Amino acid sequence: MKGMTELLKGSLEGIVLQIIKNKQETYGYEITNELVATGFSEIVEGTVYTVLLRLEKKGVVTTEKRKSELGPARKFYQLNNKGDRYLEEFWEKWRFLVSQLAKVKANEASEERRDEK
């Protein structure tokens, strides 16, 4: 969906962490492909690497460089215990946000019904 980049900025860390958790370990290019396959086609590889660097600095992922038969070494990412907690907090915040948005939307519908009377 077009125009999602701005909306996703605050959520991308959690989305990337969830992909890492789902795959148990992965690297940047694979994460980018997963995002595109999931419908986040506007996310570019450079953005993913920026997010990965931030996650690494926060200490929520562990990294390991490995040789690749297809080219330069790849940096693999795994979620650590701190990352698991960070991801759970992300989903708690996300559930709260979705709940609040649903309330706002429901209020819109009730306002429309009231205006019709």
N, C-alpha and C. Protein backbone atom coordinates (compact mmCIF):
# COMPACT_ATOMS: atom_id res chain seq x y z
N MET A 1 0.84 -1.17 0.00
CA MET A 1 0.00 0.00 0.00
C MET A 1 0.89 1.24 0.00
N LYS A 2 0.60 2.17 -0.87
CA LYS A 2 1.40 3.39 -0.99
C LYS A 2 1.21 4.28 0.23
N GLY A 3 2.26 5.06 0.52
CA GLY A 3 2.19 6.03 1.60
C GLY A 3 2.35 5.44 2.99
N MET A 4 2.85 4.23 3.09
CA MET A 4 2.98 3.57 4.38
C MET A 4 4.28 3.90 5.10
N THR A 5 5.27 4.43 4.38
CA THR A 5 6.60 4.63 4.95
C THR A 5 6.54 5.47 6.22
N GLU A 6 5.87 6.61 6.17
CA GLU A 6 5.78 7.48 7.34
C GLU A 6 5.07 6.78 8.50
N LEU A 7 4.00 6.10 8.20
CA LEU A 7 3.23 5.41 9.23
C LEU A 7 4.04 4.29 9.87
N LEU A 8 4.89 3.65 9.09
CA LEU A 8 5.66 2.51 9.59
C LEU A 8 6.89 2.90 10.39
N LYS A 9 7.34 4.14 10.30
CA LYS A 9 8.59 4.52 10.94
C LYS A 9 8.67 4.09 12.40
N GLY A 10 7.63 4.31 13.15
CA GLY A 10 7.65 3.94 14.56
C GLY A 10 7.45 2.46 14.81
N SER A 11 7.04 1.73 13.81
CA SER A 11 6.73 0.31 13.98
C SER A 11 7.76 -0.62 13.37
N LEU A 12 8.63 -0.09 12.56
CA LEU A 12 9.53 -0.94 11.79
C LEU A 12 10.48 -1.76 12.66
N GLU A 13 10.93 -1.20 13.78
CA GLU A 13 11.80 -1.97 14.67
C GLU A 13 11.10 -3.24 15.14
N GLY A 14 9.86 -3.10 15.57
CA GLY A 14 9.11 -4.26 16.04
C GLY A 14 8.84 -5.27 14.94
N ILE A 15 8.55 -4.77 13.76
CA ILE A 15 8.29 -5.66 12.62
C ILE A 15 9.55 -6.45 12.27
N VAL A 16 10.69 -5.76 12.23
CA VAL A 16 11.96 -6.43 11.92
C VAL A 16 12.31 -7.44 13.01
N LEU A 17 12.12 -7.06 14.27
CA LEU A 17 12.39 -8.00 15.36
C LEU A 17 11.51 -9.24 15.25
N GLN A 18 10.25 -9.06 14.86
CA GLN A 18 9.36 -10.22 14.73
C GLN A 18 9.83 -11.13 13.60
N ILE A 19 10.30 -10.55 12.51
CA ILE A 19 10.83 -11.37 11.41
C ILE A 19 12.05 -12.15 11.89
N ILE A 20 12.93 -11.49 12.63
CA ILE A 20 14.12 -12.17 13.16
C ILE A 20 13.69 -13.32 14.07
N LYS A 21 12.73 -13.06 14.94
CA LYS A 21 12.25 -14.11 15.85
C LYS A 21 11.63 -15.27 15.06
N ASN A 22 10.81 -14.96 14.07
CA ASN A 22 10.17 -16.00 13.27
C ASN A 22 11.18 -16.89 12.58
N LYS A 23 12.26 -16.29 12.09
CA LYS A 23 13.26 -17.05 11.33
C LYS A 23 14.35 -17.62 12.24
N GLN A 24 14.39 -17.21 13.49
CA GLN A 24 15.39 -17.58 14.50
C GLN A 24 16.73 -16.91 14.26
N GLU A 25 17.14 -16.83 13.02
CA GLU A 25 18.31 -16.02 12.65
C GLU A 25 18.19 -15.68 11.17
N THR A 26 18.66 -14.50 10.83
CA THR A 26 18.51 -14.04 9.45
C THR A 26 19.46 -12.88 9.20
N TYR A 27 19.51 -12.42 7.97
CA TYR A 27 20.37 -11.29 7.60
C TYR A 27 19.54 -10.24 6.87
N GLY A 28 20.12 -9.07 6.69
CA GLY A 28 19.40 -7.91 6.19
C GLY A 28 18.67 -8.11 4.88
N TYR A 29 19.33 -8.69 3.90
CA TYR A 29 18.71 -8.88 2.59
C TYR A 29 17.48 -9.78 2.70
N GLU A 30 17.59 -10.82 3.51
CA GLU A 30 16.47 -11.75 3.70
C GLU A 30 15.30 -11.05 4.41
N ILE A 31 15.62 -10.18 5.36
CA ILE A 31 14.58 -9.41 6.05
C ILE A 31 13.86 -8.50 5.06
N THR A 32 14.62 -7.83 4.21
CA THR A 32 14.03 -6.95 3.20
C THR A 32 13.10 -7.74 2.29
N ASN A 33 13.54 -8.90 1.84
CA ASN A 33 12.70 -9.74 0.98
C ASN A 33 11.43 -10.17 1.69
N GLU A 34 11.54 -10.49 2.96
CA GLU A 34 10.36 -10.89 3.74
C GLU A 34 9.37 -9.73 3.86
N LEU A 35 9.89 -8.53 4.09
CA LEU A 35 9.02 -7.35 4.17
C LEU A 35 8.28 -7.13 2.85
N VAL A 36 9.01 -7.23 1.75
CA VAL A 36 8.40 -7.03 0.43
C VAL A 36 7.35 -8.12 0.17
N ALA A 37 7.69 -9.37 0.50
CA ALA A 37 6.75 -10.48 0.29
C ALA A 37 5.49 -10.33 1.14
N THR A 38 5.62 -9.65 2.27
CA THR A 38 4.49 -9.45 3.17
C THR A 38 3.65 -8.25 2.79
N GLY A 39 4.12 -7.49 1.79
CA GLY A 39 3.33 -6.35 1.32
C GLY A 39 3.92 -4.99 1.65
N PHE A 40 5.05 -4.96 2.32
CA PHE A 40 5.72 -3.70 2.64
C PHE A 40 6.70 -3.35 1.53
N SER A 41 6.18 -3.15 0.33
CA SER A 41 7.03 -3.00 -0.85
C SER A 41 7.78 -1.68 -0.90
N GLU A 42 7.38 -0.68 -0.11
CA GLU A 42 8.07 0.60 -0.12
C GLU A 42 9.33 0.61 0.75
N ILE A 43 9.52 -0.42 1.56
CA ILE A 43 10.68 -0.48 2.44
C ILE A 43 11.89 -0.90 1.62
N VAL A 44 12.94 -0.08 1.65
CA VAL A 44 14.14 -0.38 0.89
C VAL A 44 15.20 -0.97 1.81
N GLU A 45 16.16 -1.64 1.20
CA GLU A 45 17.18 -2.34 1.95
C GLU A 45 17.95 -1.42 2.89
N GLY A 46 18.25 -0.20 2.43
CA GLY A 46 18.98 0.75 3.27
C GLY A 46 18.25 1.06 4.56
N THR A 47 16.94 1.15 4.49
CA THR A 47 16.13 1.40 5.69
C THR A 47 16.24 0.23 6.65
N VAL A 48 16.21 -0.97 6.13
CA VAL A 48 16.31 -2.16 6.97
C VAL A 48 17.66 -2.19 7.69
N TYR A 49 18.74 -1.87 6.98
CA TYR A 49 20.06 -1.89 7.62
C TYR A 49 20.18 -0.80 8.68
N THR A 50 19.53 0.33 8.48
CA THR A 50 19.52 1.39 9.50
C THR A 50 18.80 0.89 10.75
N VAL A 51 17.68 0.22 10.57
CA VAL A 51 16.92 -0.34 11.69
C VAL A 51 17.76 -1.40 12.40
N LEU A 52 18.41 -2.27 11.64
CA LEU A 52 19.24 -3.32 12.24
C LEU A 52 20.37 -2.73 13.07
N LEU A 53 20.98 -1.67 12.58
CA LEU A 53 22.05 -1.00 13.33
C LEU A 53 21.51 -0.44 14.64
N ARG A 54 20.33 0.19 14.59
CA ARG A 54 19.70 0.72 15.81
C ARG A 54 19.40 -0.40 16.80
N LEU A 55 18.89 -1.51 16.31
CA LEU A 55 18.57 -2.64 17.18
C LEU A 55 19.84 -3.21 17.82
N GLU A 56 20.90 -3.25 17.04
CA GLU A 56 22.18 -3.74 17.55
C GLU A 56 22.69 -2.80 18.65
N LYS A 57 22.60 -1.50 18.44
CA LYS A 57 23.05 -0.52 19.44
C LYS A 57 22.21 -0.59 20.72
N LYS A 58 20.93 -0.94 20.58
CA LYS A 58 20.06 -1.08 21.74
C LYS A 58 20.33 -2.37 22.50
N GLY A 59 21.09 -3.27 21.89
CA GLY A 59 21.44 -4.52 22.54
C GLY A 59 20.32 -5.55 22.55
N VAL A 60 19.41 -5.47 21.58
CA VAL A 60 18.28 -6.40 21.55
C VAL A 60 18.48 -7.55 20.55
N VAL A 61 19.58 -7.51 19.81
CA VAL A 61 19.94 -8.59 18.90
C VAL A 61 21.41 -8.94 19.10
N THR A 62 21.73 -10.18 18.80
CA THR A 62 23.13 -10.58 18.74
C THR A 62 23.47 -10.79 17.27
N THR A 63 24.72 -10.56 16.93
CA THR A 63 25.13 -10.67 15.54
C THR A 63 26.32 -11.61 15.40
N GLU A 64 26.42 -12.18 14.22
CA GLU A 64 27.55 -13.03 13.89
C GLU A 64 27.82 -12.90 12.39
N LYS A 65 29.07 -12.56 12.06
CA LYS A 65 29.45 -12.49 10.64
C LYS A 65 29.87 -13.88 10.18
N ARG A 66 29.37 -14.24 9.00
CA ARG A 66 29.70 -15.55 8.43
C ARG A 66 30.07 -15.38 6.97
N LYS A 67 30.98 -16.21 6.53
CA LYS A 67 31.35 -16.20 5.11
C LYS A 67 30.16 -16.66 4.29
N SER A 68 30.09 -16.11 3.09
CA SER A 68 29.01 -16.49 2.17
C SER A 68 29.63 -17.00 0.88
N GLU A 69 29.06 -18.05 0.35
CA GLU A 69 29.54 -18.59 -0.93
C GLU A 69 29.15 -17.68 -2.08
N LEU A 70 28.19 -16.79 -1.84
CA LEU A 70 27.66 -15.94 -2.90
C LEU A 70 28.28 -14.55 -2.94
N GLY A 71 29.24 -14.27 -2.08
CA GLY A 71 29.83 -12.94 -2.07
C GLY A 71 30.45 -12.62 -0.73
N PRO A 72 30.35 -11.35 -0.32
CA PRO A 72 30.96 -10.95 0.95
C PRO A 72 30.28 -11.60 2.15
N ALA A 73 30.96 -11.54 3.28
CA ALA A 73 30.40 -12.12 4.51
C ALA A 73 29.06 -11.46 4.84
N ARG A 74 28.20 -12.24 5.47
CA ARG A 74 26.88 -11.73 5.87
C ARG A 74 26.83 -11.63 7.38
N LYS A 75 26.14 -10.61 7.85
CA LYS A 75 25.92 -10.46 9.28
C LYS A 75 24.55 -11.04 9.61
N PHE A 76 24.55 -12.09 10.43
CA PHE A 76 23.32 -12.74 10.84
C PHE A 76 22.86 -12.16 12.18
N TYR A 77 21.55 -12.02 12.32
CA TYR A 77 20.95 -11.43 13.51
C TYR A 77 20.08 -12.46 14.21
N GLN A 78 20.17 -12.47 15.54
CA GLN A 78 19.31 -13.31 16.37
C GLN A 78 18.75 -12.44 17.49
N LEU A 79 17.55 -12.75 17.91
CA LEU A 79 16.95 -12.06 19.05
C LEU A 79 17.57 -12.61 20.33
N ASN A 80 17.92 -11.74 21.26
CA ASN A 80 18.39 -12.20 22.56
C ASN A 80 17.27 -11.98 23.59
N ASN A 81 17.56 -12.25 24.87
CA ASN A 81 16.52 -12.12 25.91
C ASN A 81 15.99 -10.70 26.00
N LYS A 82 16.88 -9.72 25.91
CA LYS A 82 16.45 -8.32 25.95
C LYS A 82 15.55 -8.03 24.74
N GLY A 83 15.89 -8.61 23.60
CA GLY A 83 15.09 -8.44 22.39
C GLY A 83 13.71 -9.05 22.52
N ASP A 84 13.63 -10.21 23.19
CA ASP A 84 12.32 -10.84 23.43
C ASP A 84 11.43 -9.93 24.26
N ARG A 85 12.00 -9.33 25.31
CA ARG A 85 11.23 -8.42 26.15
C ARG A 85 10.82 -7.17 25.37
N TYR A 86 11.75 -6.65 24.59
CA TYR A 86 11.49 -5.46 23.77
C TYR A 86 10.36 -5.74 22.78
N LEU A 87 10.39 -6.91 22.16
CA LEU A 87 9.36 -7.29 21.19
C LEU A 87 8.00 -7.45 21.88
N GLU A 88 7.98 -8.05 23.05
CA GLU A 88 6.72 -8.20 23.78
C GLU A 88 6.14 -6.83 24.13
N GLU A 89 6.99 -5.89 24.55
CA GLU A 89 6.54 -4.53 24.84
C GLU A 89 5.99 -3.86 23.58
N PHE A 90 6.66 -4.10 22.46
CA PHE A 90 6.18 -3.55 21.18
C PHE A 90 4.76 -4.02 20.91
N TRP A 91 4.51 -5.34 21.05
CA TRP A 91 3.19 -5.88 20.75
C TRP A 91 2.14 -5.40 21.75
N GLU A 92 2.53 -5.20 23.01
CA GLU A 92 1.60 -4.63 24.00
C GLU A 92 1.18 -3.23 23.56
N LYS A 93 2.15 -2.42 23.17
CA LYS A 93 1.85 -1.06 22.71
C LYS A 93 1.00 -1.10 21.44
N TRP A 94 1.31 -2.03 20.56
CA TRP A 94 0.56 -2.14 19.31
C TRP A 94 -0.89 -2.52 19.58
N ARG A 95 -1.12 -3.49 20.46
CA ARG A 95 -2.49 -3.90 20.81
C ARG A 95 -3.26 -2.73 21.42
N PHE A 96 -2.59 -1.95 22.28
CA PHE A 96 -3.23 -0.78 22.87
C PHE A 96 -3.61 0.22 21.79
N LEU A 97 -2.68 0.49 20.87
CA LEU A 97 -2.94 1.44 19.79
C LEU A 97 -4.11 1.00 18.92
N VAL A 98 -4.12 -0.27 18.54
CA VAL A 98 -5.22 -0.80 17.72
C VAL A 98 -6.55 -0.67 18.46
N SER A 99 -6.53 -0.97 19.75
CA SER A 99 -7.74 -0.86 20.56
C SER A 99 -8.25 0.58 20.59
N GLN A 100 -7.35 1.53 20.79
CA GLN A 100 -7.74 2.93 20.85
C GLN A 100 -8.24 3.43 19.49
N LEU A 101 -7.59 3.01 18.43
CA LEU A 101 -8.03 3.40 17.09
C LEU A 101 -9.42 2.85 16.79
N ALA A 102 -9.68 1.63 17.23
CA ALA A 102 -11.00 1.03 17.03
C ALA A 102 -12.07 1.84 17.78
N LYS A 103 -11.72 2.31 18.98
CA LYS A 103 -12.67 3.13 19.74
C LYS A 103 -12.96 4.44 19.01
N VAL A 104 -11.92 5.06 18.48
CA VAL A 104 -12.11 6.31 17.74
C VAL A 104 -13.00 6.06 16.53
N LYS A 105 -12.73 4.99 15.80
CA LYS A 105 -13.53 4.66 14.62
C LYS A 105 -14.98 4.36 15.01
N ALA A 106 -15.18 3.65 16.11
CA ALA A 106 -16.53 3.35 16.59
C ALA A 106 -17.27 4.63 16.96
N ASN A 107 -16.56 5.58 17.53
CA ASN A 107 -17.17 6.88 17.87
C ASN A 107 -17.62 7.61 16.61
N GLU A 108 -16.85 7.46 15.53
CA GLU A 108 -17.23 8.08 14.26
C GLU A 108 -18.58 7.54 13.80
N ALA A 109 -18.73 6.23 13.88
CA ALA A 109 -19.97 5.60 13.44
C ALA A 109 -21.14 6.05 14.30
N SER A 110 -20.94 6.15 15.62
CA SER A 110 -22.05 6.57 16.48
C SER A 110 -22.38 8.05 16.25
N GLU A 111 -21.38 8.87 15.94
CA GLU A 111 -21.63 10.28 15.61
C GLU A 111 -22.45 10.39 14.33
N GLU A 112 -22.14 9.54 13.34
CA GLU A 112 -22.89 9.56 12.08
C GLU A 112 -24.34 9.17 12.31
N ARG A 113 -24.57 8.16 13.16
CA ARG A 113 -25.94 7.73 13.45
C ARG A 113 -26.70 8.84 14.18
N ARG A 114 -26.03 9.52 15.07
CA ARG A 114 -26.66 10.61 15.81
C ARG A 114 -27.03 11.76 14.88
N ASP A 115 -26.14 12.05 13.91
CA ASP A 115 -26.39 13.12 12.95
C ASP A 115 -27.57 12.80 12.03
N GLU A 116 -27.83 11.51 11.80
CA GLU A 116 -28.92 11.10 10.92
C GLU A 116 -30.28 11.29 11.58
N LYS A 117 -30.32 11.38 12.88
CA LYS A 117 -31.61 11.50 13.60
C LYS A 117 -32.16 12.88 13.55
